[in-house]
Amino acid sequence: MTLVTRQFHIEDRARGRIVATGEIDASDHVIWDETETSVKEELSDLAEQIQQDIAAGYNGGQLRPPLEWFEL
C-alpha cells in the first residue's frame, strides 16, 4: 500500500513570503518540513486549523491574518 502525502505551504501575505512548508499525510496529519521563527510558537494551532479545513473539504484557506495556507 502506498502512502499518499500532499505538500502545502503557509504564506505571510503581508510580507509576500513562505513562512512554513510541510506535508499532509494519509491520515490528514500535518508534518512540518521547514518553518520560520515567526511561526514556530504557533505550529500546533496552525496544524489544528489546517486539519479542520481539510476535514471541511478545503485545500487552502485563511489562518490568522495575514497567514494563508495552500495545498500544492
PDB file of N, CA and C in Angstrom:
ATOM      1  N   MET A   1       0.835  -1.174   0.000  1.00  0.00           N
ATOM      2  CA  MET A   1       0.000   0.000   0.000  1.00  0.00           C
ATOM      3  C   MET A   1       0.888   1.249   0.000  1.00  0.00           C
ATOM      4  N   THR A   2       0.610   2.166  -0.887  1.00  0.00           N
ATOM      5  CA  THR A   2       1.372   3.395  -0.990  1.00  0.00           C
ATOM      6  C   THR A   2       0.737   4.480  -0.130  1.00  0.00           C
ATOM      7  N   LEU A   3       1.542   5.107   0.700  1.00  0.00           N
ATOM      8  CA  LEU A   3       1.046   6.219   1.500  1.00  0.00           C
ATOM      9  C   LEU A   3       1.100   7.489   0.665  1.00  0.00           C
ATOM     10  N   VAL A   4       0.014   8.208   0.677  1.00  0.00           N
ATOM     11  CA  VAL A   4      -0.073   9.437  -0.099  1.00  0.00           C
ATOM     12  C   VAL A   4       0.118  10.622   0.837  1.00  0.00           C
ATOM     13  N   THR A   5       1.007  11.511   0.456  1.00  0.00           N
ATOM     14  CA  THR A   5       1.154  12.763   1.188  1.00  0.00           C
ATOM     15  C   THR A   5       0.935  13.904   0.214  1.00  0.00           C
ATOM     16  N   ARG A   6       0.439  15.005   0.744  1.00  0.00           N
ATOM     17  CA  ARG A   6       0.202  16.192  -0.078  1.00  0.00           C
ATOM     18  C   ARG A   6       1.029  17.330   0.497  1.00  0.00           C
ATOM     19  N   GLN A   7       1.713  18.041  -0.371  1.00  0.00           N
ATOM     20  CA  GLN A   7       2.549  19.164   0.036  1.00  0.00           C
ATOM     21  C   GLN A   7       1.698  20.410   0.256  1.00  0.00           C
ATOM     22  N   PHE A   8       2.122  21.268   1.179  1.00  0.00           N
ATOM     23  CA  PHE A   8       1.443  22.546   1.378  1.00  0.00           C
ATOM     24  C   PHE A   8       2.465  23.576   1.836  1.00  0.00           C
ATOM     25  N   HIS A   9       2.061  24.826   1.757  1.00  0.00           N
ATOM     26  CA  HIS A   9       2.878  25.873   2.357  1.00  0.00           C
ATOM     27  C   HIS A   9       1.981  26.915   3.000  1.00  0.00           C
ATOM     28  N   ILE A  10       2.571  27.667   3.912  1.00  0.00           N
ATOM     29  CA  ILE A  10       1.892  28.785   4.557  1.00  0.00           C
ATOM     30  C   ILE A  10       2.602  30.046   4.101  1.00  0.00           C
ATOM     31  N   GLU A  11       1.817  30.979   3.621  1.00  0.00           N
ATOM     32  CA  GLU A  11       2.373  32.238   3.133  1.00  0.00           C
ATOM     33  C   GLU A  11       1.940  33.388   4.034  1.00  0.00           C
ATOM     34  N   ASP A  12       2.881  34.254   4.343  1.00  0.00           N
ATOM     35  CA  ASP A  12       2.585  35.514   5.023  1.00  0.00           C
ATOM     36  C   ASP A  12       2.281  36.509   3.914  1.00  0.00           C
ATOM     37  N   ARG A  13       1.002  36.798   3.702  1.00  0.00           N
ATOM     38  CA  ARG A  13       0.586  37.647   2.586  1.00  0.00           C
ATOM     39  C   ARG A  13       1.087  39.082   2.734  1.00  0.00           C
ATOM     40  N   ALA A  14       1.247  39.557   3.960  1.00  0.00           N
ATOM     41  CA  ALA A  14       1.725  40.928   4.167  1.00  0.00           C
ATOM     42  C   ALA A  14       3.179  41.082   3.729  1.00  0.00           C
ATOM     43  N   ARG A  15       3.977  40.052   3.993  1.00  0.00           N
ATOM     44  CA  ARG A  15       5.397  40.103   3.618  1.00  0.00           C
ATOM     45  C   ARG A  15       5.661  39.468   2.265  1.00  0.00           C
ATOM     46  N   GLY A  16       4.672  38.746   1.730  1.00  0.00           N
ATOM     47  CA  GLY A  16       4.839  38.103   0.433  1.00  0.00           C
ATOM     48  C   GLY A  16       5.874  37.002   0.438  1.00  0.00           C
ATOM     49  N   ARG A  17       5.911  36.218   1.509  1.00  0.00           N
ATOM     50  CA  ARG A  17       6.899  35.139   1.573  1.00  0.00           C
ATOM     51  C   ARG A  17       6.334  33.899   2.258  1.00  0.00           C
ATOM     52  N   ILE A  18       6.932  32.769   1.933  1.00  0.00           N
ATOM     53  CA  ILE A  18       6.569  31.490   2.529  1.00  0.00           C
ATOM     54  C   ILE A  18       7.210  31.425   3.917  1.00  0.00           C
ATOM     55  N   VAL A  19       6.401  31.122   4.944  1.00  0.00           N
ATOM     56  CA  VAL A  19       6.928  31.049   6.309  1.00  0.00           C
ATOM     57  C   VAL A  19       6.953  29.624   6.857  1.00  0.00           C
ATOM     58  N   ALA A  20       6.303  28.687   6.157  1.00  0.00           N
ATOM     59  CA  ALA A  20       6.330  27.288   6.595  1.00  0.00           C
ATOM     60  C   ALA A  20       5.958  26.388   5.423  1.00  0.00           C
ATOM     61  N   THR A  21       6.538  25.191   5.417  1.00  0.00           N
ATOM     62  CA  THR A  21       6.186  24.175   4.431  1.00  0.00           C
ATOM     63  C   THR A  21       6.005  22.857   5.165  1.00  0.00           C
ATOM     64  N   GLY A  22       5.246  21.975   4.541  1.00  0.00           N
ATOM     65  CA  GLY A  22       5.040  20.679   5.160  1.00  0.00           C
ATOM     66  C   GLY A  22       4.264  19.740   4.268  1.00  0.00           C
ATOM     67  N   GLU A  23       3.839  18.644   4.878  1.00  0.00           N
ATOM     68  CA  GLU A  23       3.072  17.618   4.185  1.00  0.00           C
ATOM     69  C   GLU A  23       1.846  17.273   5.013  1.00  0.00           C
ATOM     70  N   ILE A  24       0.823  16.832   4.323  1.00  0.00           N
ATOM     71  CA  ILE A  24      -0.380  16.302   4.954  1.00  0.00           C
ATOM     72  C   ILE A  24      -0.368  14.812   4.640  1.00  0.00           C
ATOM     73  N   ASP A  25      -0.308  13.973   5.670  1.00  0.00           N
ATOM     74  CA  ASP A  25      -0.193  12.536   5.420  1.00  0.00           C
ATOM     75  C   ASP A  25      -1.554  11.913   5.111  1.00  0.00           C
ATOM     76  N   ALA A  26      -1.560  10.617   4.885  1.00  0.00           N
ATOM     77  CA  ALA A  26      -2.785   9.912   4.500  1.00  0.00           C
ATOM     78  C   ALA A  26      -3.866   9.981   5.574  1.00  0.00           C
ATOM     79  N   SER A  27      -3.476  10.233   6.814  1.00  0.00           N
ATOM     80  CA  SER A  27      -4.440  10.367   7.913  1.00  0.00           C
ATOM     81  C   SER A  27      -4.796  11.825   8.185  1.00  0.00           C
ATOM     82  N   ASP A  28      -4.406  12.711   7.273  1.00  0.00           N
ATOM     83  CA  ASP A  28      -4.646  14.157   7.377  1.00  0.00           C
ATOM     84  C   ASP A  28      -3.914  14.813   8.539  1.00  0.00           C
ATOM     85  N   HIS A  29      -2.791  14.235   8.950  1.00  0.00           N
ATOM     86  CA  HIS A  29      -1.950  14.859   9.968  1.00  0.00           C
ATOM     87  C   HIS A  29      -0.934  15.764   9.281  1.00  0.00           C
ATOM     88  N   VAL A  30      -0.604  16.861   9.924  1.00  0.00           N
ATOM     89  CA  VAL A  30       0.360  17.818   9.390  1.00  0.00           C
ATOM     90  C   VAL A  30       1.762  17.442   9.860  1.00  0.00           C
ATOM     91  N   ILE A  31       2.691  17.373   8.915  1.00  0.00           N
ATOM     92  CA  ILE A  31       4.094  17.093   9.200  1.00  0.00           C
ATOM     93  C   ILE A  31       4.879  18.295   8.690  1.00  0.00           C
ATOM     94  N   TRP A  32       5.555  18.995   9.575  1.00  0.00           N
ATOM     95  CA  TRP A  32       6.280  20.209   9.201  1.00  0.00           C
ATOM     96  C   TRP A  32       7.619  19.854   8.583  1.00  0.00           C
ATOM     97  N   ASP A  33       7.969  20.524   7.468  1.00  0.00           N
ATOM     98  CA  ASP A  33       9.285  20.369   6.843  1.00  0.00           C
ATOM     99  C   ASP A  33      10.199  21.514   7.268  1.00  0.00           C
ATOM    100  N   GLU A  34       9.783  22.731   6.967  1.00  0.00           N
ATOM    101  CA  GLU A  34      10.572  23.913   7.303  1.00  0.00           C
ATOM    102  C   GLU A  34       9.651  24.985   7.859  1.00  0.00           C
ATOM    103  N   THR A  35      10.135  25.714   8.850  1.00  0.00           N
ATOM    104  CA  THR A  35       9.350  26.814   9.417  1.00  0.00           C
ATOM    105  C   THR A  35      10.269  27.975   9.765  1.00  0.00           C
ATOM    106  N   GLU A  36       9.737  29.175   9.639  1.00  0.00           N
ATOM    107  CA  GLU A  36      10.463  30.359  10.076  1.00  0.00           C
ATOM    108  C   GLU A  36      10.219  30.576  11.565  1.00  0.00           C
ATOM    109  N   THR A  37      11.105  31.285  12.190  1.00  0.00           N
ATOM    110  CA  THR A  37      10.981  31.607  13.608  1.00  0.00           C
ATOM    111  C   THR A  37       9.673  32.327  13.905  1.00  0.00           C
ATOM    112  N   SER A  38       9.193  33.128  12.964  1.00  0.00           N
ATOM    113  CA  SER A  38       7.989  33.937  13.188  1.00  0.00           C
ATOM    114  C   SER A  38       6.739  33.109  13.471  1.00  0.00           C
ATOM    115  N   VAL A  39       6.731  31.830  13.087  1.00  0.00           N
ATOM    116  CA  VAL A  39       5.548  30.989  13.307  1.00  0.00           C
ATOM    117  C   VAL A  39       5.818  29.767  14.189  1.00  0.00           C
ATOM    118  N   LYS A  40       7.044  29.570  14.628  1.00  0.00           N
ATOM    119  CA  LYS A  40       7.400  28.358  15.386  1.00  0.00           C
ATOM    120  C   LYS A  40       6.525  28.131  16.614  1.00  0.00           C
ATOM    121  N   GLU A  41       6.169  29.192  17.326  1.00  0.00           N
ATOM    122  CA  GLU A  41       5.373  29.035  18.542  1.00  0.00           C
ATOM    123  C   GLU A  41       3.911  28.713  18.252  1.00  0.00           C
ATOM    124  N   GLU A  42       3.495  28.849  17.000  1.00  0.00           N
ATOM    125  CA  GLU A  42       2.095  28.637  16.619  1.00  0.00           C
ATOM    126  C   GLU A  42       1.852  27.329  15.885  1.00  0.00           C
ATOM    127  N   LEU A  43       2.858  26.500  15.712  1.00  0.00           N
ATOM    128  CA  LEU A  43       2.731  25.333  14.839  1.00  0.00           C
ATOM    129  C   LEU A  43       1.577  24.426  15.226  1.00  0.00           C
ATOM    130  N   SER A  44       1.382  24.189  16.496  1.00  0.00           N
ATOM    131  CA  SER A  44       0.292  23.320  16.931  1.00  0.00           C
ATOM    132  C   SER A  44      -1.064  23.905  16.533  1.00  0.00           C
ATOM    133  N   ASP A  45      -1.258  25.198  16.779  1.00  0.00           N
ATOM    134  CA  ASP A  45      -2.522  25.849  16.417  1.00  0.00           C
ATOM    135  C   ASP A  45      -2.723  25.889  14.908  1.00  0.00           C
ATOM    136  N   LEU A  46      -1.651  26.163  14.170  1.00  0.00           N
ATOM    137  CA  LEU A  46      -1.754  26.207  12.710  1.00  0.00           C
ATOM    138  C   LEU A  46      -2.096  24.825  12.155  1.00  0.00           C
ATOM    139  N   ALA A  47      -1.459  23.782  12.685  1.00  0.00           N
ATOM    140  CA  ALA A  47      -1.748  22.418  12.241  1.00  0.00           C
ATOM    141  C   ALA A  47      -3.200  22.061  12.513  1.00  0.00           C
ATOM    142  N   GLU A  48      -3.709  22.454  13.669  1.00  0.00           N
ATOM    143  CA  GLU A  48      -5.102  22.164  14.012  1.00  0.00           C
ATOM    144  C   GLU A  48      -6.058  22.839  13.029  1.00  0.00           C
ATOM    145  N   GLN A  49      -5.783  24.090  12.688  1.00  0.00           N
ATOM    146  CA  GLN A  49      -6.649  24.803  11.743  1.00  0.00           C
ATOM    147  C   GLN A  49      -6.593  24.169  10.355  1.00  0.00           C
ATOM    148  N   ILE A  50      -5.397  23.776   9.915  1.00  0.00           N
ATOM    149  CA  ILE A  50      -5.256  23.119   8.613  1.00  0.00           C
ATOM    150  C   ILE A  50      -6.038  21.809   8.610  1.00  0.00           C
ATOM    151  N   GLN A  51      -5.946  21.024   9.683  1.00  0.00           N
ATOM    152  CA  GLN A  51      -6.679  19.761   9.764  1.00  0.00           C
ATOM    153  C   GLN A  51      -8.186  19.996   9.739  1.00  0.00           C
ATOM    154  N   GLN A  52      -8.669  21.051  10.383  1.00  0.00           N
ATOM    155  CA  GLN A  52     -10.099  21.379  10.342  1.00  0.00           C
ATOM    156  C   GLN A  52     -10.522  21.765   8.929  1.00  0.00           C
ATOM    157  N   ASP A  53      -9.695  22.534   8.246  1.00  0.00           N
ATOM    158  CA  ASP A  53     -10.004  22.925   6.868  1.00  0.00           C
ATOM    159  C   ASP A  53     -10.068  21.700   5.958  1.00  0.00           C
ATOM    160  N   ILE A  54      -9.122  20.776   6.122  1.00  0.00           N
ATOM    161  CA  ILE A  54      -9.113  19.555   5.310  1.00  0.00           C
ATOM    162  C   ILE A  54     -10.379  18.748   5.569  1.00  0.00           C
ATOM    163  N   ALA A  55     -10.762  18.611   6.837  1.00  0.00           N
ATOM    164  CA  ALA A  55     -11.976  17.865   7.189  1.00  0.00           C
ATOM    165  C   ALA A  55     -13.214  18.498   6.562  1.00  0.00           C
ATOM    166  N   ALA A  56     -13.185  19.811   6.370  1.00  0.00           N
ATOM    167  CA  ALA A  56     -14.308  20.516   5.747  1.00  0.00           C
ATOM    168  C   ALA A  56     -14.235  20.473   4.221  1.00  0.00           C
ATOM    169  N   GLY A  57     -13.175  19.860   3.678  1.00  0.00           N
ATOM    170  CA  GLY A  57     -13.059  19.701   2.237  1.00  0.00           C
ATOM    171  C   GLY A  57     -12.269  20.782   1.524  1.00  0.00           C
ATOM    172  N   TYR A  58     -11.561  21.621   2.254  1.00  0.00           N
ATOM    173  CA  TYR A  58     -10.777  22.699   1.642  1.00  0.00           C
ATOM    174  C   TYR A  58      -9.349  22.245   1.370  1.00  0.00           C
ATOM    175  N   ASN A  59      -8.713  22.870   0.379  1.00  0.00           N
ATOM    176  CA  ASN A  59      -7.302  22.602   0.108  1.00  0.00           C
ATOM    177  C   ASN A  59      -6.468  23.868   0.271  1.00  0.00           C
ATOM    178  N   GLY A  60      -6.959  24.774   1.106  1.00  0.00           N
ATOM    179  CA  GLY A  60      -6.266  26.010   1.431  1.00  0.00           C
ATOM    180  C   GLY A  60      -7.207  26.907   2.186  1.00  0.00           C
ATOM    181  N   GLY A  61      -6.653  27.967   2.761  1.00  0.00           N
ATOM    182  CA  GLY A  61      -7.535  28.896   3.445  1.00  0.00           C
ATOM    183  C   GLY A  61      -6.803  29.871   4.335  1.00  0.00           C
ATOM    184  N   GLN A  62      -7.594  30.758   4.905  1.00  0.00           N
ATOM    185  CA  GLN A  62      -7.086  31.786   5.815  1.00  0.00           C
ATOM    186  C   GLN A  62      -6.794  31.169   7.173  1.00  0.00           C
ATOM    187  N   LEU A  63      -5.618  31.443   7.694  1.00  0.00           N
ATOM    188  CA  LEU A  63      -5.297  31.074   9.066  1.00  0.00           C
ATOM    189  C   LEU A  63      -5.513  32.342   9.881  1.00  0.00           C
ATOM    190  N   ARG A  64      -4.544  32.775  10.622  1.00  0.00           N
ATOM    191  CA  ARG A  64      -4.707  34.092  11.250  1.00  0.00           C
ATOM    192  C   ARG A  64      -4.128  35.114  10.272  1.00  0.00           C
ATOM    193  N   PRO A  65      -4.788  36.241  10.093  1.00  0.00           N
ATOM    194  CA  PRO A  65      -4.251  37.238   9.158  1.00  0.00           C
ATOM    195  C   PRO A  65      -2.846  37.660   9.596  1.00  0.00           C
ATOM    196  N   PRO A  66      -1.934  37.763   8.685  1.00  0.00           N
ATOM    197  CA  PRO A  66      -2.025  37.664   7.229  1.00  0.00           C
ATOM    198  C   PRO A  66      -1.625  36.293   6.688  1.00  0.00           C
ATOM    199  N   LEU A  67      -1.720  35.233   7.503  1.00  0.00           N
ATOM    200  CA  LEU A  67      -1.275  33.906   7.071  1.00  0.00           C
ATOM    201  C   LEU A  67      -2.375  33.153   6.335  1.00  0.00           C
ATOM    202  N   GLU A  68      -1.985  32.530   5.214  1.00  0.00           N
ATOM    203  CA  GLU A  68      -2.868  31.656   4.449  1.00  0.00           C
ATOM    204  C   GLU A  68      -2.099  30.390   4.119  1.00  0.00           C
ATOM    205  N   TRP A  69      -2.822  29.277   4.028  1.00  0.00           N
ATOM    206  CA  TRP A  69      -2.175  28.028   3.640  1.00  0.00           C
ATOM    207  C   TRP A  69      -2.747  27.557   2.312  1.00  0.00           C
ATOM    208  N   PHE A  70      -1.916  26.835   1.548  1.00  0.00           N
ATOM    209  CA  PHE A  70      -2.298  26.343   0.227  1.00  0.00           C
ATOM    210  C   PHE A  70      -1.709  24.964   0.014  1.00  0.00           C
ATOM    211  N   GLU A  71      -2.546  24.047  -0.439  1.00  0.00           N
ATOM    212  CA  GLU A  71      -2.047  22.734  -0.845  1.00  0.00           C
ATOM    213  C   GLU A  71      -1.437  22.894  -2.229  1.00  0.00           C
ATOM    214  N   LEU A  72      -0.291  22.269  -2.451  1.00  0.00           N
ATOM    215  CA  LEU A  72       0.406  22.397  -3.739  1.00  0.00           C
ATOM    216  C   LEU A  72       0.026  21.297  -4.694  1.00  0.00           C
TER     217      LEU A  72
END
